[in-house]
Each structure stands twice: as C-alpha cells, then as structure tokens.
Amino acid sequence: MADVYAAIDCGTNSTRLLVHDGERTIERLMRITRLGEKVHDTRRLQPAAIERTVAVLREYREVMDRHGVTKVRASATSAARDAVNRDEFFDAAEAVIGVRPELLSGLEEGRLSFLGATSELDPALGPFLVVDIGGGSTEFVFGTTECEYAKSVDMGCVRMTEQYLLHDPPRPEELLAALSVAEAYLDEVTHDHPPITEARTFVGLAGTVSTTAAVEMGLAEYDSERIHHFVLTRAAVEDVFRTLATESRADRIHNPGLELERADVIVGGLCVLVEIMRRLSFDECLVSESDILDGLVMSLRG
C-alpha cells in the first residue's frame, strides 16, 4: 500500500494540515487558533490557547485517520519558540496526534518554506526571495534552486498588533510605528545578506498574503486554486492596506475575502507586507499556497 503523508504546522496564529499521497493534495485545512496569544508579553502559552489548538488537532487526527495517513510530521514555530511552557502544549498535542511537534528554529522554518514554495517554479524566475509572514515571526529566504540564505525576525501579524496597533482602528502614529519597526528589520536583513536586493521574484506565503489576495479579488469564499500563484501588485497591496487600516474591525469584516478570525490582526501583517514591497522596490508579489507544509511532506517522502 502506498504511503499517505500528513504535515501539521502549529503556528502563532493558525494551525494547518496538509494530507498528500505523494502525487496530489488530498486535503489542506486551516483553523485560526491564536496559539501565540499574549506570548510576547508573558512568555507563556495561555491555557485557553492550548485548548483551542488541541481541539483542532483532534479534528485533524480524525481527518488523517479517514484518509489512512501512514507518515506524519508536525512542527511548532514562533509562539512555541518563545514560550517557557511549550512542553505543556507538546505533551497534549502528542497525546492527540500521535507524534510530538518538532520545535523548528527560524532557519529550519525558512528552509522548509522555501522548499515548498519554489517546488513548482521555473528556476529562470530566480533568484527568489521567499517571505513567510507568520503570526509571531517572519522568515526571509533567498536562493534559486536551493536555500542560499535564511533569516527569521520577530515580527508578524499577531506580534505587530499586540505591540503597536492598540486602537480600533489603529491611529496613524501606531501604523507609523509598526511600519518603522518593519523597516528596521528589513534594514537588518539586507545588511546581513545584500544579494536579497537582487531577487527577481518575490514569493509571499501565509495568511496575510493570501488574505490580501482574497480581498483584492473580492472572494466571497476562500478559493485556494484561484489564490495560488495570483500576482499581487504593489498598488493593490497599498490599496488594501489603506482600506483595512482606516476601518474599524466592525467595518473591516464586511470586506469579501477577509476571514472574521483574521480581521483583528490583518493590518499588523499588512504593515510587514507593505514595507517589504516599499523597501525592496518590488512591484509584484507572487502569492503561493505551497509553503512549509509542502516542505514537511517533501521531507517525509525523502
């Protein structure tokens, strides 16, 4: 019997599952669980956040059983890296899904994301800058056929929101502060590896980027196939940013393409995306639905 693979990513903002049979995607699921809620301030995973995430992992175990999954790899990223009580979550997760989540470093996370994101792309489009804007961290990965440089920095949609965007809607000075922090991190990344500024193709991963694409397209329902490899222009990103940043959450949720659970942190993520395109002078962002999950599955397949 052929193997069926599953990858689970327990991120700061969402918990995701990919089931793959080695040739095609069988199932790809995402749930907002906000595992990293208040982690920046407390350095602890909150009991309610652990409970929310484990409940989703229970659902994912049922999905994996239904599809006859034979090999599983689970990862935990920024929120777990920052939390002193991560083992409480790991113990509960392992009891439910049967494998213990691996605590990935930012570099490992970036390399796996690059592997997944570039697997379908023509190397002639390279060198690539693959950016994974998460809830608590953002990974920058540069290369053409393989990862040549990777760096993880502590900015993401949840962290930016909890630290800087304290009003609803955010005040102009709060937005400026978040954009300035993103700019400082970008200065650090480009100073660390100057060739990043020569990337030909900017590939954007994760919820902030895919949600921005969905809002730009006005998707009433999330459509992974339409979003995958959609090209977001800088003008479109700036337009979505201006719209969402000036609306209260109560108004923001009425934008087609914006999930209710992401409405309170999308502006924090957009501060990162907007600043990347401004600072590195990218006119386009290639949206990819292939990411760390695909990299994890590829690692299982050997």
C-alpha atoms as a PDB file:
ATOM      1  CA  MET A   1       0.000   0.000   0.000  1.00  0.00           C
ATOM      2  CA  ALA A   2       1.302   3.463  -0.921  1.00  0.00           C
ATOM      3  CA  ASP A   3       2.117   5.889   1.867  1.00  0.00           C
ATOM      4  CA  VAL A   4      -0.178   8.792   2.648  1.00  0.00           C
ATOM      5  CA  TYR A   5       1.610  11.739   4.231  1.00  0.00           C
ATOM      6  CA  ALA A   6       0.416  14.438   6.608  1.00  0.00           C
ATOM      7  CA  ALA A   7       2.073  17.641   7.757  1.00  0.00           C
ATOM      8  CA  ILE A   8       0.803  19.825  10.596  1.00  0.00           C
ATOM      9  CA  ASP A   9       2.031  23.338  11.302  1.00  0.00           C
ATOM     10  CA  CYS A  10       1.194  24.796  14.728  1.00  0.00           C
ATOM     11  CA  GLY A  11       1.822  28.483  14.153  1.00  0.00           C
ATOM     12  CA  THR A  12       1.324  31.579  16.252  1.00  0.00           C
ATOM     13  CA  ASN A  13      -1.975  32.496  14.586  1.00  0.00           C
ATOM     14  CA  SER A  14      -3.197  29.370  12.795  1.00  0.00           C
ATOM     15  CA  THR A  15      -2.945  25.590  12.894  1.00  0.00           C
ATOM     16  CA  ARG A  16      -2.829  23.916   9.489  1.00  0.00           C
ATOM     17  CA  LEU A  17      -2.930  20.435   7.977  1.00  0.00           C
ATOM     18  CA  LEU A  18      -1.823  19.046   4.626  1.00  0.00           C
ATOM     19  CA  VAL A  19      -2.639  15.472   3.583  1.00  0.00           C
ATOM     20  CA  HIS A  20      -0.803  14.301   0.442  1.00  0.00           C
ATOM     21  CA  ASP A  21      -0.482  10.951  -1.312  1.00  0.00           C
ATOM     22  CA  GLY A  22       2.859  11.720  -2.946  1.00  0.00           C
ATOM     23  CA  GLU A  23       1.263  12.864  -6.184  1.00  0.00           C
ATOM     24  CA  ARG A  24      -1.544  15.197  -5.195  1.00  0.00           C
ATOM     25  CA  THR A  25      -3.006  17.154  -2.331  1.00  0.00           C
ATOM     26  CA  ILE A  26      -5.870  15.261  -0.724  1.00  0.00           C
ATOM     27  CA  GLU A  27      -6.788  17.831   1.890  1.00  0.00           C
ATOM     28  CA  ARG A  28      -5.480  21.224   3.048  1.00  0.00           C
ATOM     29  CA  LEU A  29      -7.103  22.752   6.134  1.00  0.00           C
ATOM     30  CA  MET A  30      -6.532  25.881   8.196  1.00  0.00           C
ATOM     31  CA  ARG A  31      -8.035  26.982  11.504  1.00  0.00           C
ATOM     32  CA  ILE A  32      -7.302  30.210  13.387  1.00  0.00           C
ATOM     33  CA  THR A  33      -6.295  29.077  16.891  1.00  0.00           C
ATOM     34  CA  ARG A  34      -4.121  32.010  18.074  1.00  0.00           C
ATOM     35  CA  LEU A  35      -1.695  29.752  19.950  1.00  0.00           C
ATOM     36  CA  GLY A  36       0.613  32.733  20.410  1.00  0.00           C
ATOM     37  CA  GLU A  37      -1.926  34.944  22.176  1.00  0.00           C
ATOM     38  CA  LYS A  38      -0.041  37.158  24.715  1.00  0.00           C
ATOM     39  CA  VAL A  39       3.148  35.104  24.329  1.00  0.00           C
ATOM     40  CA  HIS A  40       5.260  38.188  23.590  1.00  0.00           C
ATOM     41  CA  ASP A  41       4.330  39.744  26.944  1.00  0.00           C
ATOM     42  CA  THR A  42       4.081  36.663  29.156  1.00  0.00           C
ATOM     43  CA  ARG A  43       6.491  34.184  27.528  1.00  0.00           C
ATOM     44  CA  ARG A  44       3.853  31.560  28.234  1.00  0.00           C
ATOM     45  CA  LEU A  45       1.239  29.758  26.137  1.00  0.00           C
ATOM     46  CA  GLN A  46      -2.161  30.578  27.613  1.00  0.00           C
ATOM     47  CA  PRO A  47      -4.303  27.601  28.777  1.00  0.00           C
ATOM     48  CA  ALA A  48      -7.200  28.699  26.531  1.00  0.00           C
ATOM     49  CA  ALA A  49      -4.849  28.959  23.531  1.00  0.00           C
ATOM     50  CA  ILE A  50      -3.511  25.450  24.150  1.00  0.00           C
ATOM     51  CA  GLU A  51      -7.063  24.146  24.493  1.00  0.00           C
ATOM     52  CA  ARG A  52      -8.165  25.790  21.218  1.00  0.00           C
ATOM     53  CA  THR A  53      -5.208  24.360  19.335  1.00  0.00           C
ATOM     54  CA  VAL A  54      -5.517  20.848  20.767  1.00  0.00           C
ATOM     55  CA  ALA A  55      -9.232  20.817  19.858  1.00  0.00           C
ATOM     56  CA  VAL A  56      -8.262  21.492  16.226  1.00  0.00           C
ATOM     57  CA  LEU A  57      -5.558  18.815  16.374  1.00  0.00           C
ATOM     58  CA  ARG A  58      -8.272  16.380  17.487  1.00  0.00           C
ATOM     59  CA  GLU A  59     -10.230  17.296  14.352  1.00  0.00           C
ATOM     60  CA  TYR A  60      -7.097  16.819  12.240  1.00  0.00           C
ATOM     61  CA  ARG A  61      -6.455  13.368  13.759  1.00  0.00           C
ATOM     62  CA  GLU A  62      -9.911  12.314  12.564  1.00  0.00           C
ATOM     63  CA  VAL A  63      -9.146  13.651   9.075  1.00  0.00           C
ATOM     64  CA  MET A  64      -5.827  11.771   8.982  1.00  0.00           C
ATOM     65  CA  ASP A  65      -7.496   8.554  10.120  1.00  0.00           C
ATOM     66  CA  ARG A  66     -10.170   8.945   7.452  1.00  0.00           C
ATOM     67  CA  HIS A  67      -7.529   9.224   4.722  1.00  0.00           C
ATOM     68  CA  GLY A  68      -5.329   6.414   6.064  1.00  0.00           C
ATOM     69  CA  VAL A  69      -2.299   8.584   6.776  1.00  0.00           C
ATOM     70  CA  THR A  70       0.845   6.495   7.341  1.00  0.00           C
ATOM     71  CA  LYS A  71       3.520   9.154   7.981  1.00  0.00           C
ATOM     72  CA  VAL A  72       3.116  12.387   9.949  1.00  0.00           C
ATOM     73  CA  ARG A  73       5.414  15.294  10.693  1.00  0.00           C
ATOM     74  CA  ALA A  74       4.264  18.140  12.947  1.00  0.00           C
ATOM     75  CA  SER A  75       6.051  21.420  13.565  1.00  0.00           C
ATOM     76  CA  ALA A  76       5.757  24.281  16.014  1.00  0.00           C
ATOM     77  CA  THR A  77       7.250  27.673  15.298  1.00  0.00           C
ATOM     78  CA  SER A  78       7.472  31.179  16.732  1.00  0.00           C
ATOM     79  CA  ALA A  79       4.973  31.023  19.618  1.00  0.00           C
ATOM     80  CA  ALA A  80       6.413  27.743  20.903  1.00  0.00           C
ATOM     81  CA  ARG A  81       9.981  29.035  20.485  1.00  0.00           C
ATOM     82  CA  ASP A  82       9.129  31.975  22.757  1.00  0.00           C
ATOM     83  CA  ALA A  83       7.150  30.062  25.414  1.00  0.00           C
ATOM     84  CA  VAL A  84       8.767  28.623  28.531  1.00  0.00           C
ATOM     85  CA  ASN A  85       5.853  26.189  28.984  1.00  0.00           C
ATOM     86  CA  ARG A  86       5.900  24.791  25.432  1.00  0.00           C
ATOM     87  CA  ASP A  87       6.153  21.211  26.738  1.00  0.00           C
ATOM     88  CA  GLU A  88       2.644  21.501  28.185  1.00  0.00           C
ATOM     89  CA  PHE A  89       1.392  22.025  24.655  1.00  0.00           C
ATOM     90  CA  PHE A  90       3.711  19.405  23.135  1.00  0.00           C
ATOM     91  CA  ASP A  91       2.520  16.767  25.627  1.00  0.00           C
ATOM     92  CA  ALA A  92      -1.149  17.496  24.879  1.00  0.00           C
ATOM     93  CA  ALA A  93      -0.542  17.610  21.113  1.00  0.00           C
ATOM     94  CA  GLU A  94       1.372  14.322  21.093  1.00  0.00           C
ATOM     95  CA  ALA A  95      -1.403  12.600  23.035  1.00  0.00           C
ATOM     96  CA  VAL A  96      -3.883  13.621  20.338  1.00  0.00           C
ATOM     97  CA  ILE A  97      -1.985  13.276  17.039  1.00  0.00           C
ATOM     98  CA  GLY A  98       0.485  10.538  17.983  1.00  0.00           C
ATOM     99  CA  VAL A  99       3.675  12.461  17.150  1.00  0.00           C
ATOM    100  CA  ARG A 100       5.407  15.179  19.122  1.00  0.00           C
ATOM    101  CA  PRO A 101       5.599  18.561  17.362  1.00  0.00           C
ATOM    102  CA  GLU A 102       9.144  19.475  16.382  1.00  0.00           C
ATOM    103  CA  LEU A 103      10.322  22.856  17.620  1.00  0.00           C
ATOM    104  CA  LEU A 104      11.727  24.350  14.435  1.00  0.00           C
ATOM    105  CA  SER A 105      14.283  27.123  14.519  1.00  0.00           C
ATOM    106  CA  GLY A 106      13.529  30.144  12.359  1.00  0.00           C
ATOM    107  CA  LEU A 107      16.175  28.966   9.890  1.00  0.00           C
ATOM    108  CA  GLU A 108      14.683  25.469   9.618  1.00  0.00           C
ATOM    109  CA  GLU A 109      11.236  27.011   9.170  1.00  0.00           C
ATOM    110  CA  GLY A 110      12.540  29.243   6.403  1.00  0.00           C
ATOM    111  CA  ARG A 111      14.303  26.417   4.544  1.00  0.00           C
ATOM    112  CA  LEU A 112      11.210  24.210   4.597  1.00  0.00           C
ATOM    113  CA  SER A 113       9.042  27.110   3.404  1.00  0.00           C
ATOM    114  CA  PHE A 114      11.463  27.787   0.531  1.00  0.00           C
ATOM    115  CA  LEU A 115      11.435  24.103  -0.435  1.00  0.00           C
ATOM    116  CA  GLY A 116       7.641  24.072  -0.606  1.00  0.00           C
ATOM    117  CA  ALA A 117       7.181  27.473  -2.235  1.00  0.00           C
ATOM    118  CA  THR A 118       9.674  27.040  -5.077  1.00  0.00           C
ATOM    119  CA  SER A 119       8.982  23.382  -5.939  1.00  0.00           C
ATOM    120  CA  GLU A 120       6.659  24.349  -8.833  1.00  0.00           C
ATOM    121  CA  LEU A 121       8.534  27.450 -10.011  1.00  0.00           C
ATOM    122  CA  ASP A 122      10.858  27.760 -13.003  1.00  0.00           C
ATOM    123  CA  PRO A 123      14.411  28.472 -11.735  1.00  0.00           C
ATOM    124  CA  ALA A 124      14.674  31.027 -14.553  1.00  0.00           C
ATOM    125  CA  LEU A 125      12.401  33.243 -12.449  1.00  0.00           C
ATOM    126  CA  GLY A 126      15.050  33.261  -9.714  1.00  0.00           C
ATOM    127  CA  PRO A 127      16.745  34.240  -7.641  1.00  0.00           C
ATOM    128  CA  PHE A 128      13.710  34.130  -5.361  1.00  0.00           C
ATOM    129  CA  LEU A 129      13.010  35.947  -2.143  1.00  0.00           C
ATOM    130  CA  VAL A 130      10.505  33.795  -0.274  1.00  0.00           C
ATOM    131  CA  VAL A 131       8.892  35.575   2.673  1.00  0.00           C
ATOM    132  CA  ASP A 132       6.677  33.788   5.182  1.00  0.00           C
ATOM    133  CA  ILE A 133       4.761  36.374   7.225  1.00  0.00           C
ATOM    134  CA  GLY A 134       3.575  34.473  10.269  1.00  0.00           C
ATOM    135  CA  GLY A 135       1.860  35.461  13.465  1.00  0.00           C
ATOM    136  CA  GLY A 136       4.961  35.895  15.606  1.00  0.00           C
ATOM    137  CA  SER A 137       7.852  35.833  13.147  1.00  0.00           C
ATOM    138  CA  THR A 138       8.687  36.447   9.513  1.00  0.00           C
ATOM    139  CA  GLU A 139      11.156  34.301   7.591  1.00  0.00           C
ATOM    140  CA  PHE A 140      13.214  35.658   4.693  1.00  0.00           C
ATOM    141  CA  VAL A 141      14.741  33.009   2.422  1.00  0.00           C
ATOM    142  CA  PHE A 142      16.857  33.729  -0.660  1.00  0.00           C
ATOM    143  CA  GLY A 143      18.003  31.365  -3.387  1.00  0.00           C
ATOM    144  CA  THR A 144      17.312  29.969  -6.842  1.00  0.00           C
ATOM    145  CA  THR A 145      17.272  26.159  -6.775  1.00  0.00           C
ATOM    146  CA  GLU A 146      18.066  25.857  -3.080  1.00  0.00           C
ATOM    147  CA  CYS A 147      18.168  27.992   0.037  1.00  0.00           C
ATOM    148  CA  GLU A 148      21.287  30.161  -0.010  1.00  0.00           C
ATOM    149  CA  TYR A 149      20.345  32.392   2.937  1.00  0.00           C
ATOM    150  CA  ALA A 150      17.640  32.340   5.581  1.00  0.00           C
ATOM    151  CA  LYS A 151      16.826  34.654   8.450  1.00  0.00           C
ATOM    152  CA  SER A 152      13.931  34.782  10.899  1.00  0.00           C
ATOM    153  CA  VAL A 153      12.941  38.024  12.620  1.00  0.00           C
ATOM    154  CA  ASP A 154      10.476  38.681  15.424  1.00  0.00           C
ATOM    155  CA  MET A 155       7.708  40.441  13.549  1.00  0.00           C
ATOM    156  CA  GLY A 156       4.366  39.012  12.472  1.00  0.00           C
ATOM    157  CA  CYS A 157       0.704  39.910  12.295  1.00  0.00           C
ATOM    158  CA  VAL A 158      -0.107  38.997  15.922  1.00  0.00           C
ATOM    159  CA  ARG A 159       3.088  40.411  17.421  1.00  0.00           C
ATOM    160  CA  MET A 160       2.738  43.703  15.483  1.00  0.00           C
ATOM    161  CA  THR A 161      -0.902  44.041  16.519  1.00  0.00           C
ATOM    162  CA  GLU A 162      -0.343  43.288  20.201  1.00  0.00           C
ATOM    163  CA  GLN A 163       2.696  45.576  20.449  1.00  0.00           C
ATOM    164  CA  TYR A 164       1.819  48.575  18.298  1.00  0.00           C
ATOM    165  CA  LEU A 165      -1.770  48.641  16.966  1.00  0.00           C
ATOM    166  CA  LEU A 166      -3.610  49.281  20.210  1.00  0.00           C
ATOM    167  CA  HIS A 167      -6.652  51.193  18.977  1.00  0.00           C
ATOM    168  CA  ASP A 168      -9.539  50.292  16.656  1.00  0.00           C
ATOM    169  CA  PRO A 169      -8.917  51.457  14.013  1.00  0.00           C
ATOM    170  CA  PRO A 170      -5.182  51.949  14.555  1.00  0.00           C
ATOM    171  CA  ARG A 171      -4.068  55.537  14.985  1.00  0.00           C
ATOM    172  CA  PRO A 172      -1.735  56.996  12.331  1.00  0.00           C
ATOM    173  CA  GLU A 173       1.149  57.116  14.812  1.00  0.00           C
ATOM    174  CA  GLU A 174       0.609  53.429  15.639  1.00  0.00           C
ATOM    175  CA  LEU A 175       0.730  52.475  11.962  1.00  0.00           C
ATOM    176  CA  LEU A 176       3.870  54.569  11.538  1.00  0.00           C
ATOM    177  CA  ALA A 177       5.490  52.808  14.489  1.00  0.00           C
ATOM    178  CA  ALA A 178       4.685  49.353  13.062  1.00  0.00           C
ATOM    179  CA  LEU A 179       5.955  50.342   9.602  1.00  0.00           C
ATOM    180  CA  SER A 180       9.137  51.743  11.152  1.00  0.00           C
ATOM    181  CA  VAL A 181       9.778  48.504  13.041  1.00  0.00           C
ATOM    182  CA  ALA A 182       9.300  46.526   9.818  1.00  0.00           C
ATOM    183  CA  GLU A 183      11.681  48.886   8.022  1.00  0.00           C
ATOM    184  CA  ALA A 184      14.322  48.407  10.729  1.00  0.00           C
ATOM    185  CA  TYR A 185      14.091  44.623  10.423  1.00  0.00           C
ATOM    186  CA  LEU A 186      14.374  44.881   6.637  1.00  0.00           C
ATOM    187  CA  ASP A 187      17.481  47.051   7.010  1.00  0.00           C
ATOM    188  CA  GLU A 188      18.914  44.314   9.236  1.00  0.00           C
ATOM    189  CA  VAL A 189      18.126  41.569   6.698  1.00  0.00           C
ATOM    190  CA  THR A 190      19.515  43.445   3.691  1.00  0.00           C
ATOM    191  CA  HIS A 191      22.655  44.415   5.608  1.00  0.00           C
ATOM    192  CA  ASP A 192      23.099  40.778   6.633  1.00  0.00           C
ATOM    193  CA  HIS A 193      22.748  39.494   3.045  1.00  0.00           C
ATOM    194  CA  PRO A 194      22.937  42.264   0.399  1.00  0.00           C
ATOM    195  CA  PRO A 195      22.108  39.936  -2.584  1.00  0.00           C
ATOM    196  CA  ILE A 196      18.489  39.902  -1.330  1.00  0.00           C
ATOM    197  CA  THR A 197      18.051  43.255  -3.062  1.00  0.00           C
ATOM    198  CA  GLU A 198      18.786  41.491  -6.389  1.00  0.00           C
ATOM    199  CA  ALA A 199      15.932  38.966  -6.105  1.00  0.00           C
ATOM    200  CA  ARG A 200      13.926  38.753  -9.331  1.00  0.00           C
ATOM    201  CA  THR A 201      10.774  37.194  -7.874  1.00  0.00           C
ATOM    202  CA  PHE A 202       9.190  37.953  -4.516  1.00  0.00           C
ATOM    203  CA  VAL A 203       7.121  34.982  -3.309  1.00  0.00           C
ATOM    204  CA  GLY A 204       4.750  35.681  -0.420  1.00  0.00           C
ATOM    205  CA  LEU A 205       3.459  32.962   1.910  1.00  0.00           C
ATOM    206  CA  ALA A 206       0.916  32.558   4.704  1.00  0.00           C
ATOM    207  CA  GLY A 207      -2.330  34.135   5.819  1.00  0.00           C
ATOM    208  CA  THR A 208      -1.542  37.827   5.496  1.00  0.00           C
ATOM    209  CA  VAL A 209      -0.510  37.438   1.859  1.00  0.00           C
ATOM    210  CA  SER A 210      -3.287  35.042   0.814  1.00  0.00           C
ATOM    211  CA  THR A 211      -5.901  37.149   2.622  1.00  0.00           C
ATOM    212  CA  THR A 212      -4.687  40.303   0.877  1.00  0.00           C
ATOM    213  CA  ALA A 213      -5.073  38.474  -2.438  1.00  0.00           C
ATOM    214  CA  ALA A 214      -8.560  37.263  -1.481  1.00  0.00           C
ATOM    215  CA  VAL A 215      -9.631  40.812  -0.531  1.00  0.00           C
ATOM    216  CA  GLU A 216      -8.153  42.221  -3.735  1.00  0.00           C
ATOM    217  CA  MET A 217     -10.124  39.629  -5.746  1.00  0.00           C
ATOM    218  CA  GLY A 218     -13.238  40.118  -3.596  1.00  0.00           C
ATOM    219  CA  LEU A 219     -13.624  36.376  -2.996  1.00  0.00           C
ATOM    220  CA  ALA A 220     -16.843  35.637  -1.169  1.00  0.00           C
ATOM    221  CA  GLU A 221     -15.422  32.212  -0.270  1.00  0.00           C
ATOM    222  CA  TYR A 222     -11.792  31.207   0.083  1.00  0.00           C
ATOM    223  CA  ASP A 223     -10.537  29.560  -3.114  1.00  0.00           C
ATOM    224  CA  SER A 224      -7.037  28.131  -2.801  1.00  0.00           C
ATOM    225  CA  GLU A 225      -6.749  27.373  -6.518  1.00  0.00           C
ATOM    226  CA  ARG A 226      -7.508  30.972  -7.515  1.00  0.00           C
ATOM    227  CA  ILE A 227      -5.194  32.396  -4.868  1.00  0.00           C
ATOM    228  CA  HIS A 228      -2.237  30.100  -5.645  1.00  0.00           C
ATOM    229  CA  HIS A 229       0.184  31.988  -7.927  1.00  0.00           C
ATOM    230  CA  PHE A 230      -2.052  35.057  -8.083  1.00  0.00           C
ATOM    231  CA  VAL A 231       0.096  38.133  -8.718  1.00  0.00           C
ATOM    232  CA  LEU A 232      -0.446  40.948  -6.221  1.00  0.00           C
ATOM    233  CA  THR A 233       0.754  44.320  -7.475  1.00  0.00           C
ATOM    234  CA  ARG A 234       2.241  46.858  -5.099  1.00  0.00           C
ATOM    235  CA  ALA A 235      -0.598  49.242  -5.975  1.00  0.00           C
ATOM    236  CA  ALA A 236      -3.156  46.584  -4.963  1.00  0.00           C
ATOM    237  CA  VAL A 237      -1.372  45.872  -1.667  1.00  0.00           C
ATOM    238  CA  GLU A 238      -1.225  49.588  -0.854  1.00  0.00           C
ATOM    239  CA  ASP A 239      -4.919  49.933  -1.694  1.00  0.00           C
ATOM    240  CA  VAL A 240      -5.965  47.018   0.536  1.00  0.00           C
ATOM    241  CA  PHE A 241      -3.750  48.399   3.316  1.00  0.00           C
ATOM    242  CA  ARG A 242      -5.296  51.885   3.092  1.00  0.00           C
ATOM    243  CA  THR A 243      -8.794  50.416   3.163  1.00  0.00           C
ATOM    244  CA  LEU A 244      -8.364  47.980   6.044  1.00  0.00           C
ATOM    245  CA  ALA A 245      -6.122  50.202   8.183  1.00  0.00           C
ATOM    246  CA  THR A 246      -8.650  53.037   8.242  1.00  0.00           C
ATOM    247  CA  GLU A 247     -11.660  50.877   9.077  1.00  0.00           C
ATOM    248  CA  SER A 248     -12.739  49.650  12.481  1.00  0.00           C
ATOM    249  CA  ARG A 249     -12.882  45.898  12.913  1.00  0.00           C
ATOM    250  CA  ALA A 250     -16.704  46.094  12.788  1.00  0.00           C
ATOM    251  CA  ASP A 251     -16.497  47.633   9.297  1.00  0.00           C
ATOM    252  CA  ARG A 252     -13.441  45.661   8.163  1.00  0.00           C
ATOM    253  CA  ILE A 253     -15.178  42.290   8.478  1.00  0.00           C
ATOM    254  CA  HIS A 254     -17.543  43.214   5.636  1.00  0.00           C
ATOM    255  CA  ASN A 255     -14.734  43.131   3.055  1.00  0.00           C
ATOM    256  CA  PRO A 256     -15.172  39.982   0.915  1.00  0.00           C
ATOM    257  CA  GLY A 257     -12.151  37.729   1.298  1.00  0.00           C
ATOM    258  CA  LEU A 258     -11.367  38.678   4.894  1.00  0.00           C
ATOM    259  CA  GLU A 259     -11.956  35.905   7.419  1.00  0.00           C
ATOM    260  CA  LEU A 260     -13.655  37.016  10.610  1.00  0.00           C
ATOM    261  CA  GLU A 261     -10.929  35.482  12.798  1.00  0.00           C
ATOM    262  CA  ARG A 262      -8.166  37.329  10.944  1.00  0.00           C
ATOM    263  CA  ALA A 263      -9.815  40.754  10.957  1.00  0.00           C
ATOM    264  CA  ASP A 264      -8.098  41.962  14.130  1.00  0.00           C
ATOM    265  CA  VAL A 265      -4.531  41.112  13.010  1.00  0.00           C
ATOM    266  CA  ILE A 266      -4.569  41.638   9.229  1.00  0.00           C
ATOM    267  CA  VAL A 267      -3.424  45.258   9.455  1.00  0.00           C
ATOM    268  CA  GLY A 268      -0.393  44.212  11.516  1.00  0.00           C
ATOM    269  CA  GLY A 269       0.521  41.711   8.811  1.00  0.00           C
ATOM    270  CA  LEU A 270      -0.051  44.256   6.068  1.00  0.00           C
ATOM    271  CA  CYS A 271       2.410  46.625   7.733  1.00  0.00           C
ATOM    272  CA  VAL A 272       5.052  43.942   7.124  1.00  0.00           C
ATOM    273  CA  LEU A 273       3.964  43.180   3.545  1.00  0.00           C
ATOM    274  CA  VAL A 274       3.683  46.836   2.542  1.00  0.00           C
ATOM    275  CA  GLU A 275       7.098  47.689   3.961  1.00  0.00           C
ATOM    276  CA  ILE A 276       8.767  44.756   2.173  1.00  0.00           C
ATOM    277  CA  MET A 277       7.435  45.945  -1.179  1.00  0.00           C
ATOM    278  CA  ARG A 278       8.361  49.572  -0.461  1.00  0.00           C
ATOM    279  CA  ARG A 279      11.804  48.962   0.994  1.00  0.00           C
ATOM    280  CA  LEU A 280      12.892  46.354  -1.570  1.00  0.00           C
ATOM    281  CA  SER A 281      11.135  48.038  -4.527  1.00  0.00           C
ATOM    282  CA  PHE A 282       9.075  45.028  -5.556  1.00  0.00           C
ATOM    283  CA  ASP A 283       6.267  45.856  -7.984  1.00  0.00           C
ATOM    284  CA  GLU A 284       4.707  42.393  -7.634  1.00  0.00           C
ATOM    285  CA  CYS A 285       4.263  39.619  -5.114  1.00  0.00           C
ATOM    286  CA  LEU A 286       3.648  36.062  -6.336  1.00  0.00           C
ATOM    287  CA  VAL A 287       1.221  34.502  -3.864  1.00  0.00           C
ATOM    288  CA  SER A 288       1.958  30.870  -3.024  1.00  0.00           C
ATOM    289  CA  GLU A 289      -0.288  28.416  -1.220  1.00  0.00           C
ATOM    290  CA  SER A 290       2.635  25.959  -1.215  1.00  0.00           C
ATOM    291  CA  ASP A 291       4.703  26.576   1.889  1.00  0.00           C
ATOM    292  CA  ILE A 292       6.181  24.929   4.971  1.00  0.00           C
ATOM    293  CA  LEU A 293       3.507  22.198   4.906  1.00  0.00           C
ATOM    294  CA  ASP A 294       4.612  21.160   1.430  1.00  0.00           C
ATOM    295  CA  GLY A 295       8.236  21.277   2.573  1.00  0.00           C
ATOM    296  CA  LEU A 296       7.412  18.986   5.506  1.00  0.00           C
ATOM    297  CA  VAL A 297       5.651  16.498   3.206  1.00  0.00           C
ATOM    298  CA  MET A 298       8.591  16.556   0.799  1.00  0.00           C
ATOM    299  CA  SER A 299      10.918  15.773   3.697  1.00  0.00           C
ATOM    300  CA  LEU A 300       8.768  12.768   4.632  1.00  0.00           C
ATOM    301  CA  ARG A 301       8.915  11.477   1.076  1.00  0.00           C
ATOM    302  CA  GLY A 302      12.700  11.669   1.133  1.00  0.00           C
END
